[in-house]
PDB file of N, CA and C in Angstrom:
ATOM      1  N   MET A   1     -22.612  34.616  -8.312  1.00  0.00           N
ATOM      2  CA  MET A   1     -21.448  33.810  -8.086  1.00  0.00           C
ATOM      3  C   MET A   1     -21.914  32.364  -7.843  1.00  0.00           C
ATOM      4  N   PRO A   2     -21.316  31.379  -8.546  1.00  0.00           N
ATOM      5  CA  PRO A   2     -21.758  29.990  -8.363  1.00  0.00           C
ATOM      6  C   PRO A   2     -21.349  29.442  -7.003  1.00  0.00           C
ATOM      7  N   ALA A   3     -22.188  28.559  -6.479  1.00  0.00           N
ATOM      8  CA  ALA A   3     -21.902  27.937  -5.179  1.00  0.00           C
ATOM      9  C   ALA A   3     -20.749  26.951  -5.332  1.00  0.00           C
ATOM     10  N   LYS A   4     -19.953  26.879  -4.284  1.00  0.00           N
ATOM     11  CA  LYS A   4     -18.839  25.934  -4.304  1.00  0.00           C
ATOM     12  C   LYS A   4     -19.379  24.526  -4.130  1.00  0.00           C
ATOM     13  N   THR A   5     -18.818  23.629  -4.911  1.00  0.00           N
ATOM     14  CA  THR A   5     -19.207  22.226  -4.734  1.00  0.00           C
ATOM     15  C   THR A   5     -18.086  21.511  -4.003  1.00  0.00           C
ATOM     16  N   ARG A   6     -18.487  20.615  -3.147  1.00  0.00           N
ATOM     17  CA  ARG A   6     -17.510  19.853  -2.367  1.00  0.00           C
ATOM     18  C   ARG A   6     -17.150  18.563  -3.086  1.00  0.00           C
ATOM     19  N   ALA A   7     -15.920  18.206  -2.958  1.00  0.00           N
ATOM     20  CA  ALA A   7     -15.497  16.903  -3.483  1.00  0.00           C
ATOM     21  C   ALA A   7     -16.119  15.825  -2.606  1.00  0.00           C
ATOM     22  N   PRO A   8     -16.489  14.707  -3.210  1.00  0.00           N
ATOM     23  CA  PRO A   8     -17.078  13.645  -2.391  1.00  0.00           C
ATOM     24  C   PRO A   8     -16.092  13.159  -1.329  1.00  0.00           C
ATOM     25  N   VAL A   9     -16.633  12.902  -0.157  1.00  0.00           N
ATOM     26  CA  VAL A   9     -15.799  12.413   0.942  1.00  0.00           C
ATOM     27  C   VAL A   9     -15.667  10.911   0.801  1.00  0.00           C
ATOM     28  N   ARG A  10     -14.455  10.473   0.805  1.00  0.00           N
ATOM     29  CA  ARG A  10     -14.206   9.043   0.674  1.00  0.00           C
ATOM     30  C   ARG A  10     -14.138   8.411   2.061  1.00  0.00           C
ATOM     31  N   LYS A  11     -14.948   7.401   2.268  1.00  0.00           N
ATOM     32  CA  LYS A  11     -14.933   6.713   3.556  1.00  0.00           C
ATOM     33  C   LYS A  11     -13.881   5.615   3.502  1.00  0.00           C
ATOM     34  N   THR A  12     -13.021   5.619   4.476  1.00  0.00           N
ATOM     35  CA  THR A  12     -12.036   4.549   4.561  1.00  0.00           C
ATOM     36  C   THR A  12     -12.543   3.503   5.525  1.00  0.00           C
ATOM     37  N   ALA A  13     -12.413   2.273   5.104  1.00  0.00           N
ATOM     38  CA  ALA A  13     -12.855   1.173   5.957  1.00  0.00           C
ATOM     39  C   ALA A  13     -11.896   1.034   7.128  1.00  0.00           C
ATOM     40  N   ARG A  14     -12.471   0.762   8.284  1.00  0.00           N
ATOM     41  CA  ARG A  14     -11.630   0.486   9.441  1.00  0.00           C
ATOM     42  C   ARG A  14     -10.966  -0.857   9.244  1.00  0.00           C
ATOM     43  N   LEU A  15      -9.823  -1.027   9.872  1.00  0.00           N
ATOM     44  CA  LEU A  15      -9.084  -2.282   9.749  1.00  0.00           C
ATOM     45  C   LEU A  15      -9.945  -3.467  10.145  1.00  0.00           C
ATOM     46  N   ALA A  16     -10.732  -3.327  11.201  1.00  0.00           N
ATOM     47  CA  ALA A  16     -11.570  -4.429  11.678  1.00  0.00           C
ATOM     48  C   ALA A  16     -12.671  -4.783  10.686  1.00  0.00           C
ATOM     49  N   ASP A  17     -13.005  -3.852   9.772  1.00  0.00           N
ATOM     50  CA  ASP A  17     -14.062  -4.103   8.802  1.00  0.00           C
ATOM     51  C   ASP A  17     -13.543  -4.774   7.527  1.00  0.00           C
ATOM     52  N   ARG A  18     -12.252  -4.799   7.340  1.00  0.00           N
ATOM     53  CA  ARG A  18     -11.689  -5.399   6.137  1.00  0.00           C
ATOM     54  C   ARG A  18     -11.638  -6.912   6.277  1.00  0.00           C
ATOM     55  N   PRO A  19     -11.843  -7.624   5.164  1.00  0.00           N
ATOM     56  CA  PRO A  19     -11.817  -9.092   5.245  1.00  0.00           C
ATOM     57  C   PRO A  19     -10.415  -9.625   5.474  1.00  0.00           C
ATOM     58  N   GLY A  20     -10.344 -10.828   6.020  1.00  0.00           N
ATOM     59  CA  GLY A  20      -9.063 -11.490   6.231  1.00  0.00           C
ATOM     60  C   GLY A  20      -8.703 -11.574   7.696  1.00  0.00           C
ATOM     61  N   PRO A  21      -7.813 -12.513   8.014  1.00  0.00           N
ATOM     62  CA  PRO A  21      -7.450 -12.730   9.417  1.00  0.00           C
ATOM     63  C   PRO A  21      -6.616 -11.601   9.998  1.00  0.00           C
ATOM     64  N   ARG A  22      -6.719 -11.428  11.295  1.00  0.00           N
ATOM     65  CA  ARG A  22      -5.965 -10.412  12.036  1.00  0.00           C
ATOM     66  C   ARG A  22      -5.047 -11.102  13.023  1.00  0.00           C
ATOM     67  N   ARG A  23      -4.139 -10.349  13.597  1.00  0.00           N
ATOM     68  CA  ARG A  23      -3.287 -10.869  14.663  1.00  0.00           C
ATOM     69  C   ARG A  23      -4.081 -10.914  15.956  1.00  0.00           C
ATOM     70  N   PRO A  24      -3.831 -11.925  16.775  1.00  0.00           N
ATOM     71  CA  PRO A  24      -4.541 -11.969  18.061  1.00  0.00           C
ATOM     72  C   PRO A  24      -4.030 -10.892  19.001  1.00  0.00           C
ATOM     73  N   ILE A  25      -4.896 -10.432  19.866  1.00  0.00           N
ATOM     74  CA  ILE A  25      -4.511  -9.527  20.949  1.00  0.00           C
ATOM     75  C   ILE A  25      -4.339 -10.426  22.166  1.00  0.00           C
ATOM     76  N   LEU A  26      -3.112 -10.601  22.602  1.00  0.00           N
ATOM     77  CA  LEU A  26      -2.823 -11.596  23.629  1.00  0.00           C
ATOM     78  C   LEU A  26      -3.618 -11.392  24.916  1.00  0.00           C
ATOM     79  N   SER A  27      -3.867 -10.150  25.290  1.00  0.00           N
ATOM     80  CA  SER A  27      -4.611  -9.907  26.528  1.00  0.00           C
ATOM     81  C   SER A  27      -6.094 -10.255  26.388  1.00  0.00           C
ATOM     82  N   GLU A  28      -6.595 -10.400  25.155  1.00  0.00           N
ATOM     83  CA  GLU A  28      -8.008 -10.699  24.941  1.00  0.00           C
ATOM     84  C   GLU A  28      -8.267 -12.048  24.284  1.00  0.00           C
ATOM     85  N   ASP A  29      -7.298 -12.568  23.553  1.00  0.00           N
ATOM     86  CA  ASP A  29      -7.551 -13.715  22.695  1.00  0.00           C
ATOM     87  C   ASP A  29      -6.852 -15.004  23.121  1.00  0.00           C
ATOM     88  N   VAL A  30      -6.327 -15.046  24.319  1.00  0.00           N
ATOM     89  CA  VAL A  30      -5.734 -16.274  24.849  1.00  0.00           C
ATOM     90  C   VAL A  30      -6.621 -16.745  25.994  1.00  0.00           C
ATOM     91  N   ILE A  31      -7.154 -17.953  25.857  1.00  0.00           N
ATOM     92  CA  ILE A  31      -8.089 -18.473  26.863  1.00  0.00           C
ATOM     93  C   ILE A  31      -7.740 -19.921  27.192  1.00  0.00           C
ATOM     94  N   SER A  32      -8.210 -20.364  28.328  1.00  0.00           N
ATOM     95  CA  SER A  32      -7.995 -21.758  28.719  1.00  0.00           C
ATOM     96  C   SER A  32      -8.994 -22.650  27.991  1.00  0.00           C
ATOM     97  N   PHE A  33      -8.662 -23.917  27.925  1.00  0.00           N
ATOM     98  CA  PHE A  33      -9.560 -24.893  27.321  1.00  0.00           C
ATOM     99  C   PHE A  33     -10.907 -24.905  28.045  1.00  0.00           C
ATOM    100  N   THR A  34     -10.876 -24.844  29.368  1.00  0.00           N
ATOM    101  CA  THR A  34     -12.104 -24.862  30.158  1.00  0.00           C
ATOM    102  C   THR A  34     -13.001 -23.677  29.799  1.00  0.00           C
ATOM    103  N   GLU A  35     -12.391 -22.480  29.688  1.00  0.00           N
ATOM    104  CA  GLU A  35     -13.172 -21.294  29.329  1.00  0.00           C
ATOM    105  C   GLU A  35     -13.721 -21.426  27.911  1.00  0.00           C
ATOM    106  N   CYS A  36     -12.912 -21.924  26.996  1.00  0.00           N
ATOM    107  CA  CYS A  36     -13.351 -22.106  25.608  1.00  0.00           C
ATOM    108  C   CYS A  36     -14.550 -23.048  25.550  1.00  0.00           C
ATOM    109  N   ARG A  37     -14.459 -24.141  26.286  1.00  0.00           N
ATOM    110  CA  ARG A  37     -15.532 -25.129  26.288  1.00  0.00           C
ATOM    111  C   ARG A  37     -16.824 -24.530  26.842  1.00  0.00           C
ATOM    112  N   SER A  38     -16.716 -23.728  27.892  1.00  0.00           N
ATOM    113  CA  SER A  38     -17.931 -23.201  28.515  1.00  0.00           C
ATOM    114  C   SER A  38     -18.548 -22.033  27.738  1.00  0.00           C
ATOM    115  N   LYS A  39     -17.746 -21.361  26.906  1.00  0.00           N
ATOM    116  CA  LYS A  39     -18.255 -20.192  26.159  1.00  0.00           C
ATOM    117  C   LYS A  39     -18.007 -20.332  24.664  1.00  0.00           C
ATOM    118  N   LEU A  40     -18.089 -21.543  24.160  1.00  0.00           N
ATOM    119  CA  LEU A  40     -17.749 -21.807  22.765  1.00  0.00           C
ATOM    120  C   LEU A  40     -18.529 -20.928  21.793  1.00  0.00           C
ATOM    121  N   GLY A  41     -19.821 -20.807  21.981  1.00  0.00           N
ATOM    122  CA  GLY A  41     -20.650 -19.981  21.090  1.00  0.00           C
ATOM    123  C   GLY A  41     -20.193 -18.536  21.046  1.00  0.00           C
ATOM    124  N   GLU A  42     -19.839 -17.990  22.211  1.00  0.00           N
ATOM    125  CA  GLU A  42     -19.364 -16.610  22.270  1.00  0.00           C
ATOM    126  C   GLU A  42     -18.060 -16.443  21.481  1.00  0.00           C
ATOM    127  N   TYR A  43     -17.153 -17.423  21.630  1.00  0.00           N
ATOM    128  CA  TYR A  43     -15.868 -17.316  20.939  1.00  0.00           C
ATOM    129  C   TYR A  43     -16.012 -17.539  19.439  1.00  0.00           C
ATOM    130  N   MET A  44     -16.973 -18.368  19.038  1.00  0.00           N
ATOM    131  CA  MET A  44     -17.237 -18.525  17.611  1.00  0.00           C
ATOM    132  C   MET A  44     -17.688 -17.196  17.015  1.00  0.00           C
ATOM    133  N   ALA A  45     -18.587 -16.532  17.697  1.00  0.00           N
ATOM    134  CA  ALA A  45     -19.069 -15.233  17.221  1.00  0.00           C
ATOM    135  C   ALA A  45     -17.943 -14.200  17.222  1.00  0.00           C
ATOM    136  N   LYS A  46     -17.098 -14.249  18.243  1.00  0.00           N
ATOM    137  CA  LYS A  46     -15.999 -13.285  18.340  1.00  0.00           C
ATOM    138  C   LYS A  46     -15.012 -13.438  17.180  1.00  0.00           C
ATOM    139  N   THR A  47     -14.679 -14.685  16.816  1.00  0.00           N
ATOM    140  CA  THR A  47     -13.738 -14.865  15.706  1.00  0.00           C
ATOM    141  C   THR A  47     -14.331 -14.382  14.390  1.00  0.00           C
ATOM    142  N   ARG A  48     -15.640 -14.561  14.215  1.00  0.00           N
ATOM    143  CA  ARG A  48     -16.285 -14.046  12.992  1.00  0.00           C
ATOM    144  C   ARG A  48     -16.310 -12.529  12.984  1.00  0.00           C
ATOM    145  N   ARG A  49     -16.590 -11.934  14.144  1.00  0.00           N
ATOM    146  CA  ARG A  49     -16.726 -10.481  14.239  1.00  0.00           C
ATOM    147  C   ARG A  49     -15.384  -9.754  14.140  1.00  0.00           C
ATOM    148  N   THR A  50     -14.377 -10.255  14.849  1.00  0.00           N
ATOM    149  CA  THR A  50     -13.098  -9.541  14.935  1.00  0.00           C
ATOM    150  C   THR A  50     -12.065 -10.007  13.916  1.00  0.00           C
ATOM    151  N   HIS A  51     -12.287 -11.175  13.338  1.00  0.00           N
ATOM    152  CA  HIS A  51     -11.320 -11.790  12.417  1.00  0.00           C
ATOM    153  C   HIS A  51      -9.989 -12.082  13.112  1.00  0.00           C
ATOM    154  N   ARG A  52     -10.038 -12.216  14.429  1.00  0.00           N
ATOM    155  CA  ARG A  52      -8.837 -12.577  15.186  1.00  0.00           C
ATOM    156  C   ARG A  52      -8.979 -13.997  15.692  1.00  0.00           C
ATOM    157  N   PRO A  53      -7.897 -14.775  15.662  1.00  0.00           N
ATOM    158  CA  PRO A  53      -7.966 -16.132  16.188  1.00  0.00           C
ATOM    159  C   PRO A  53      -7.997 -16.128  17.712  1.00  0.00           C
ATOM    160  N   ILE A  54      -8.517 -17.194  18.270  1.00  0.00           N
ATOM    161  CA  ILE A  54      -8.493 -17.405  19.713  1.00  0.00           C
ATOM    162  C   ILE A  54      -7.429 -18.475  19.973  1.00  0.00           C
ATOM    163  N   ILE A  55      -6.505 -18.203  20.862  1.00  0.00           N
ATOM    164  CA  ILE A  55      -5.474 -19.168  21.225  1.00  0.00           C
ATOM    165  C   ILE A  55      -5.946 -19.894  22.478  1.00  0.00           C
ATOM    166  N   VAL A  56      -6.019 -21.213  22.400  1.00  0.00           N
ATOM    167  CA  VAL A  56      -6.516 -22.027  23.503  1.00  0.00           C
ATOM    168  C   VAL A  56      -5.326 -22.680  24.199  1.00  0.00           C
ATOM    169  N   THR A  57      -5.330 -22.603  25.531  1.00  0.00           N
ATOM    170  CA  THR A  57      -4.235 -23.189  26.306  1.00  0.00           C
ATOM    171  C   THR A  57      -4.729 -24.382  27.119  1.00  0.00           C
ATOM    172  N   GLN A  58      -3.795 -25.284  27.411  1.00  0.00           N
ATOM    173  CA  GLN A  58      -4.031 -26.376  28.347  1.00  0.00           C
ATOM    174  C   GLN A  58      -2.830 -26.413  29.273  1.00  0.00           C
ATOM    175  N   ASN A  59      -3.106 -26.447  30.553  1.00  0.00           N
ATOM    176  CA  ASN A  59      -2.040 -26.423  31.561  1.00  0.00           C
ATOM    177  C   ASN A  59      -1.094 -25.239  31.358  1.00  0.00           C
ATOM    178  N   GLY A  60      -1.670 -24.109  30.962  1.00  0.00           N
ATOM    179  CA  GLY A  60      -0.894 -22.880  30.816  1.00  0.00           C
ATOM    180  C   GLY A  60      -0.077 -22.768  29.542  1.00  0.00           C
ATOM    181  N   LYS A  61      -0.166 -23.751  28.649  1.00  0.00           N
ATOM    182  CA  LYS A  61       0.612 -23.717  27.415  1.00  0.00           C
ATOM    183  C   LYS A  61      -0.319 -23.657  26.208  1.00  0.00           C
ATOM    184  N   PRO A  62       0.008 -22.831  25.211  1.00  0.00           N
ATOM    185  CA  PRO A  62      -0.839 -22.773  24.016  1.00  0.00           C
ATOM    186  C   PRO A  62      -0.815 -24.109  23.280  1.00  0.00           C
ATOM    187  N   THR A  63      -2.006 -24.612  22.930  1.00  0.00           N
ATOM    188  CA  THR A  63      -2.085 -25.903  22.253  1.00  0.00           C
ATOM    189  C   THR A  63      -2.877 -25.856  20.954  1.00  0.00           C
ATOM    190  N   SER A  64      -3.800 -24.914  20.835  1.00  0.00           N
ATOM    191  CA  SER A  64      -4.660 -24.878  19.655  1.00  0.00           C
ATOM    192  C   SER A  64      -5.019 -23.444  19.306  1.00  0.00           C
ATOM    193  N   VAL A  65      -5.470 -23.276  18.066  1.00  0.00           N
ATOM    194  CA  VAL A  65      -5.932 -21.973  17.605  1.00  0.00           C
ATOM    195  C   VAL A  65      -7.340 -22.159  17.051  1.00  0.00           C
ATOM    196  N   PHE A  66      -8.230 -21.313  17.482  1.00  0.00           N
ATOM    197  CA  PHE A  66      -9.621 -21.343  17.060  1.00  0.00           C
ATOM    198  C   PHE A  66      -9.820 -20.154  16.123  1.00  0.00           C
ATOM    199  N   VAL A  67     -10.230 -20.412  14.884  1.00  0.00           N
ATOM    200  CA  VAL A  67     -10.342 -19.340  13.889  1.00  0.00           C
ATOM    201  C   VAL A  67     -11.621 -19.556  13.078  1.00  0.00           C
ATOM    202  N   SER A  68     -12.209 -18.479  12.572  1.00  0.00           N
ATOM    203  CA  SER A  68     -13.415 -18.623  11.760  1.00  0.00           C
ATOM    204  C   SER A  68     -13.055 -19.300  10.447  1.00  0.00           C
ATOM    205  N   ILE A  69     -13.999 -20.006   9.878  1.00  0.00           N
ATOM    206  CA  ILE A  69     -13.744 -20.729   8.632  1.00  0.00           C
ATOM    207  C   ILE A  69     -13.414 -19.768   7.496  1.00  0.00           C
ATOM    208  N   ILE A  70     -14.026 -18.612   7.473  1.00  0.00           N
ATOM    209  CA  ILE A  70     -13.762 -17.626   6.417  1.00  0.00           C
ATOM    210  C   ILE A  70     -12.308 -17.180   6.469  1.00  0.00           C
ATOM    211  N   ASP A  71     -11.810 -16.899   7.669  1.00  0.00           N
ATOM    212  CA  ASP A  71     -10.421 -16.472   7.802  1.00  0.00           C
ATOM    213  C   ASP A  71      -9.454 -17.618   7.550  1.00  0.00           C
ATOM    214  N   TRP A  72      -9.824 -18.832   7.949  1.00  0.00           N
ATOM    215  CA  TRP A  72      -8.971 -19.985   7.693  1.00  0.00           C
ATOM    216  C   TRP A  72      -8.826 -20.211   6.194  1.00  0.00           C
ATOM    217  N   GLU A  73      -9.952 -20.131   5.469  1.00  0.00           N
ATOM    218  CA  GLU A  73      -9.894 -20.313   4.019  1.00  0.00           C
ATOM    219  C   GLU A  73      -9.080 -19.207   3.351  1.00  0.00           C
ATOM    220  N   ALA A  74      -9.214 -17.972   3.848  1.00  0.00           N
ATOM    221  CA  ALA A  74      -8.457 -16.853   3.263  1.00  0.00           C
ATOM    222  C   ALA A  74      -6.963 -17.012   3.491  1.00  0.00           C
ATOM    223  N   ALA A  75      -6.576 -17.591   4.624  1.00  0.00           N
ATOM    224  CA  ALA A  75      -5.158 -17.722   4.957  1.00  0.00           C
ATOM    225  C   ALA A  75      -4.569 -19.056   4.527  1.00  0.00           C
ATOM    226  N   SER A  76      -5.414 -20.004   4.167  1.00  0.00           N
ATOM    227  CA  SER A  76      -4.936 -21.346   3.842  1.00  0.00           C
ATOM    228  C   SER A  76      -4.169 -21.362   2.535  1.00  0.00           C
ATOM    229  N   PRO A  77      -3.004 -22.036   2.519  1.00  0.00           N
ATOM    230  CA  PRO A  77      -2.255 -22.123   1.265  1.00  0.00           C
ATOM    231  C   PRO A  77      -2.831 -23.158   0.307  1.00  0.00           C
ATOM    232  N   TYR A  78      -3.829 -23.911   0.755  1.00  0.00           N
ATOM    233  CA  TYR A  78      -4.380 -24.977  -0.062  1.00  0.00           C
ATOM    234  C   TYR A  78      -5.680 -24.536  -0.711  1.00  0.00           C
ATOM    235  N   GLU A  79      -5.742 -24.680  -2.020  1.00  0.00           N
ATOM    236  CA  GLU A  79      -6.930 -24.282  -2.765  1.00  0.00           C
ATOM    237  C   GLU A  79      -8.090 -25.244  -2.512  1.00  0.00           C
ATOM    238  N   ASP A  80      -7.796 -26.531  -2.515  1.00  0.00           N
ATOM    239  CA  ASP A  80      -8.852 -27.522  -2.369  1.00  0.00           C
ATOM    240  C   ASP A  80      -8.248 -28.867  -1.978  1.00  0.00           C
ATOM    241  N   THR A  81      -9.087 -29.866  -1.835  1.00  0.00           N
ATOM    242  CA  THR A  81      -8.579 -31.177  -1.427  1.00  0.00           C
ATOM    243  C   THR A  81      -7.697 -31.804  -2.497  1.00  0.00           C
ATOM    244  N   GLU A  82      -7.907 -31.475  -3.756  1.00  0.00           N
ATOM    245  CA  GLU A  82      -7.057 -32.014  -4.825  1.00  0.00           C
ATOM    246  C   GLU A  82      -5.611 -31.576  -4.613  1.00  0.00           C
ATOM    247  N   THR A  83      -5.420 -30.336  -4.209  1.00  0.00           N
ATOM    248  CA  THR A  83      -4.078 -29.841  -3.933  1.00  0.00           C
ATOM    249  C   THR A  83      -3.449 -30.623  -2.791  1.00  0.00           C
ATOM    250  N   LEU A  84      -4.227 -30.882  -1.752  1.00  0.00           N
ATOM    251  CA  LEU A  84      -3.718 -31.665  -0.624  1.00  0.00           C
ATOM    252  C   LEU A  84      -3.323 -33.072  -1.058  1.00  0.00           C
ATOM    253  N   GLU A  85      -4.131 -33.680  -1.915  1.00  0.00           N
ATOM    254  CA  GLU A  85      -3.827 -35.022  -2.392  1.00  0.00           C
ATOM    255  C   GLU A  85      -2.546 -35.034  -3.229  1.00  0.00           C
ATOM    256  N   ILE A  86      -2.362 -34.023  -4.048  1.00  0.00           N
ATOM    257  CA  ILE A  86      -1.135 -33.930  -4.853  1.00  0.00           C
ATOM    258  C   ILE A  86       0.075 -33.779  -3.939  1.00  0.00           C
ATOM    259  N   LEU A  87      -0.040 -32.945  -2.910  1.00  0.00           N
ATOM    260  CA  LEU A  87       1.070 -32.776  -1.973  1.00  0.00           C
ATOM    261  C   LEU A  87       1.387 -34.084  -1.253  1.00  0.00           C
ATOM    262  N   ASP A  88       0.360 -34.852  -0.897  1.00  0.00           N
ATOM    263  CA  ASP A  88       0.575 -36.166  -0.274  1.00  0.00           C
ATOM    264  C   ASP A  88       1.329 -37.088  -1.223  1.00  0.00           C
ATOM    265  N   ASP A  89       0.956 -37.076  -2.519  1.00  0.00           N
ATOM    266  CA  ASP A  89       1.644 -37.909  -3.510  1.00  0.00           C
ATOM    267  C   ASP A  89       3.109 -37.492  -3.656  1.00  0.00           C
ATOM    268  N   VAL A  90       3.361 -36.193  -3.661  1.00  0.00           N
ATOM    269  CA  VAL A  90       4.741 -35.703  -3.768  1.00  0.00           C
ATOM    270  C   VAL A  90       5.557 -36.153  -2.565  1.00  0.00           C
ATOM    271  N   ARG A  91       4.992 -36.014  -1.364  1.00  0.00           N
ATOM    272  CA  ARG A  91       5.702 -36.468  -0.154  1.00  0.00           C
ATOM    273  C   ARG A  91       5.988 -37.965  -0.197  1.00  0.00           C
ATOM    274  N   ALA A  92       5.008 -38.749  -0.647  1.00  0.00           N
ATOM    275  CA  ALA A  92       5.202 -40.200  -0.744  1.00  0.00           C
ATOM    276  C   ALA A  92       6.317 -40.513  -1.728  1.00  0.00           C
ATOM    277  N   GLY A  93       6.354 -39.813  -2.857  1.00  0.00           N
ATOM    278  CA  GLY A  93       7.413 -40.012  -3.842  1.00  0.00           C
ATOM    279  C   GLY A  93       8.785 -39.652  -3.297  1.00  0.00           C
ATOM    280  N   GLU A  94       8.850 -38.559  -2.543  1.00  0.00           N
ATOM    281  CA  GLU A  94      10.132 -38.168  -1.940  1.00  0.00           C
ATOM    282  C   GLU A  94      10.616 -39.224  -0.947  1.00  0.00           C
ATOM    283  N   GLU A  95       9.689 -39.796  -0.186  1.00  0.00           N
ATOM    284  CA  GLU A  95      10.060 -40.851   0.762  1.00  0.00           C
ATOM    285  C   GLU A  95      10.561 -42.094   0.033  1.00  0.00           C
ATOM    286  N   GLU A  96       9.938 -42.448  -1.101  1.00  0.00           N
ATOM    287  CA  GLU A  96      10.394 -43.596  -1.893  1.00  0.00           C
ATOM    288  C   GLU A  96      11.810 -43.353  -2.418  1.00  0.00           C
ATOM    289  N   ILE A  97      12.085 -42.142  -2.867  1.00  0.00           N
ATOM    290  CA  ILE A  97      13.426 -41.800  -3.359  1.00  0.00           C
ATOM    291  C   ILE A  97      14.446 -41.937  -2.235  1.00  0.00           C
ATOM    292  N   GLU A  98      14.103 -41.429  -1.043  1.00  0.00           N
ATOM    293  CA  GLU A  98      15.015 -41.528   0.101  1.00  0.00           C
ATOM    294  C   GLU A  98      15.312 -42.983   0.463  1.00  0.00           C
ATOM    295  N   ARG A  99      14.326 -43.875   0.282  1.00  0.00           N
ATOM    296  CA  ARG A  99      14.517 -45.288   0.586  1.00  0.00           C
ATOM    297  C   ARG A  99      15.203 -46.030  -0.561  1.00  0.00           C
ATOM    298  N   GLY A 100      15.465 -45.326  -1.675  1.00  0.00           N
ATOM    299  CA  GLY A 100      16.119 -45.951  -2.818  1.00  0.00           C
ATOM    300  C   GLY A 100      15.179 -46.749  -3.693  1.00  0.00           C
ATOM    301  N   GLU A 101      13.891 -46.531  -3.552  1.00  0.00           N
ATOM    302  CA  GLU A 101      12.895 -47.260  -4.342  1.00  0.00           C
ATOM    303  C   GLU A 101      12.650 -46.515  -5.652  1.00  0.00           C
ATOM    304  N   VAL A 102      13.639 -46.573  -6.544  1.00  0.00           N
ATOM    305  CA  VAL A 102      13.545 -45.854  -7.816  1.00  0.00           C
ATOM    306  C   VAL A 102      13.815 -46.822  -8.957  1.00  0.00           C
ATOM    307  N   ILE A 103      13.311 -46.475 -10.153  1.00  0.00           N
ATOM    308  CA  ILE A 103      13.587 -47.262 -11.354  1.00  0.00           C
ATOM    309  C   ILE A 103      14.067 -46.310 -12.441  1.00  0.00           C
ATOM    310  N   SER A 104      14.697 -46.859 -13.449  1.00  0.00           N
ATOM    311  CA  SER A 104      15.202 -46.033 -14.555  1.00  0.00           C
ATOM    312  C   SER A 104      14.043 -45.590 -15.438  1.00  0.00           C
ATOM    313  N   GLN A 105      14.309 -44.582 -16.265  1.00  0.00           N
ATOM    314  CA  GLN A 105      13.314 -44.087 -17.214  1.00  0.00           C
ATOM    315  C   GLN A 105      12.889 -45.208 -18.165  1.00  0.00           C
ATOM    316  N   GLU A 106      13.860 -45.979 -18.638  1.00  0.00           N
ATOM    317  CA  GLU A 106      13.558 -47.071 -19.573  1.00  0.00           C
ATOM    318  C   GLU A 106      12.634 -48.110 -18.928  1.00  0.00           C
ATOM    319  N   GLU A 107      12.940 -48.493 -17.693  1.00  0.00           N
ATOM    320  CA  GLU A 107      12.114 -49.469 -16.997  1.00  0.00           C
ATOM    321  C   GLU A 107      10.698 -48.926 -16.774  1.00  0.00           C
ATOM    322  N   PHE A 108      10.614 -47.657 -16.445  1.00  0.00           N
ATOM    323  CA  PHE A 108       9.316 -47.011 -16.241  1.00  0.00           C
ATOM    324  C   PHE A 108       8.489 -47.072 -17.530  1.00  0.00           C
ATOM    325  N   GLU A 109       9.123 -46.744 -18.660  1.00  0.00           N
ATOM    326  CA  GLU A 109       8.410 -46.783 -19.942  1.00  0.00           C
ATOM    327  C   GLU A 109       7.980 -48.208 -20.293  1.00  0.00           C
ATOM    328  N   ARG A 110       8.832 -49.220 -20.003  1.00  0.00           N
ATOM    329  CA  ARG A 110       8.462 -50.615 -20.252  1.00  0.00           C
ATOM    330  C   ARG A 110       7.219 -50.991 -19.450  1.00  0.00           C
ATOM    331  N   GLU A 111       7.176 -50.573 -18.179  1.00  0.00           N
ATOM    332  CA  GLU A 111       6.008 -50.879 -17.337  1.00  0.00           C
ATOM    333  C   GLU A 111       4.751 -50.222 -17.878  1.00  0.00           C
ATOM    334  N   LEU A 112       4.871 -48.988 -18.333  1.00  0.00           N
ATOM    335  CA  LEU A 112       3.709 -48.294 -18.899  1.00  0.00           C
ATOM    336  C   LEU A 112       3.221 -48.981 -20.169  1.00  0.00           C
ATOM    337  N   ARG A 113       4.169 -49.407 -21.029  1.00  0.00           N
ATOM    338  CA  ARG A 113       3.778 -50.118 -22.256  1.00  0.00           C
ATOM    339  C   ARG A 113       3.083 -51.441 -21.907  1.00  0.00           C
ATOM    340  N   ALA A 114       3.617 -52.167 -20.931  1.00  0.00           N
ATOM    341  CA  ALA A 114       3.030 -53.450 -20.541  1.00  0.00           C
ATOM    342  C   ALA A 114       1.604 -53.262 -20.018  1.00  0.00           C
ATOM    343  N   GLU A 115       1.352 -52.123 -19.373  1.00  0.00           N
ATOM    344  CA  GLU A 115       0.007 -51.838 -18.850  1.00  0.00           C
ATOM    345  C   GLU A 115      -0.894 -51.198 -19.912  1.00  0.00           C
ATOM    346  N   GLY A 116      -0.349 -50.930 -21.096  1.00  0.00           N
ATOM    347  CA  GLY A 116      -1.127 -50.300 -22.170  1.00  0.00           C
ATOM    348  C   GLY A 116      -1.380 -48.822 -21.935  1.00  0.00           C
ATOM    349  N   ARG A 117      -0.541 -48.214 -21.158  1.00  0.00           N
ATOM    350  CA  ARG A 117      -0.739 -46.786 -20.857  1.00  0.00           C
ATOM    351  C   ARG A 117       0.223 -45.887 -21.632  1.00  0.00           C
ATOM    352  N   LEU A 118       1.032 -46.502 -22.540  1.00  0.00           N
ATOM    353  CA  LEU A 118       1.971 -45.692 -23.333  1.00  0.00           C
ATOM    354  C   LEU A 118       2.009 -46.215 -24.739  1.00  0.00           C
TER     355      LEU A 118
END
């Protein structure tokens, strides 16, 4: 009689082992500015290890979030600095429109022709 073969056991990764940011545990991840300053190296290692942000308080109020660069990049909506620059240009254009600083399509084309860009 042939021996039974076992199906391979699939190991599931623990949540803490998966890449990407996690939610903070308020009882562990909220610290005062003074504590953060005195144990900065420990908290840097903790954010890398746990993928959880550290919430820093001043005068009892949350003021900042300390997160590992890997998790910040994974959660950031911005691909690169070029994207940030484009968003700045869009915001500047929207502000010009709100102030009424607009020209017609025809005038725009005339300016481009005068500059040799059209």
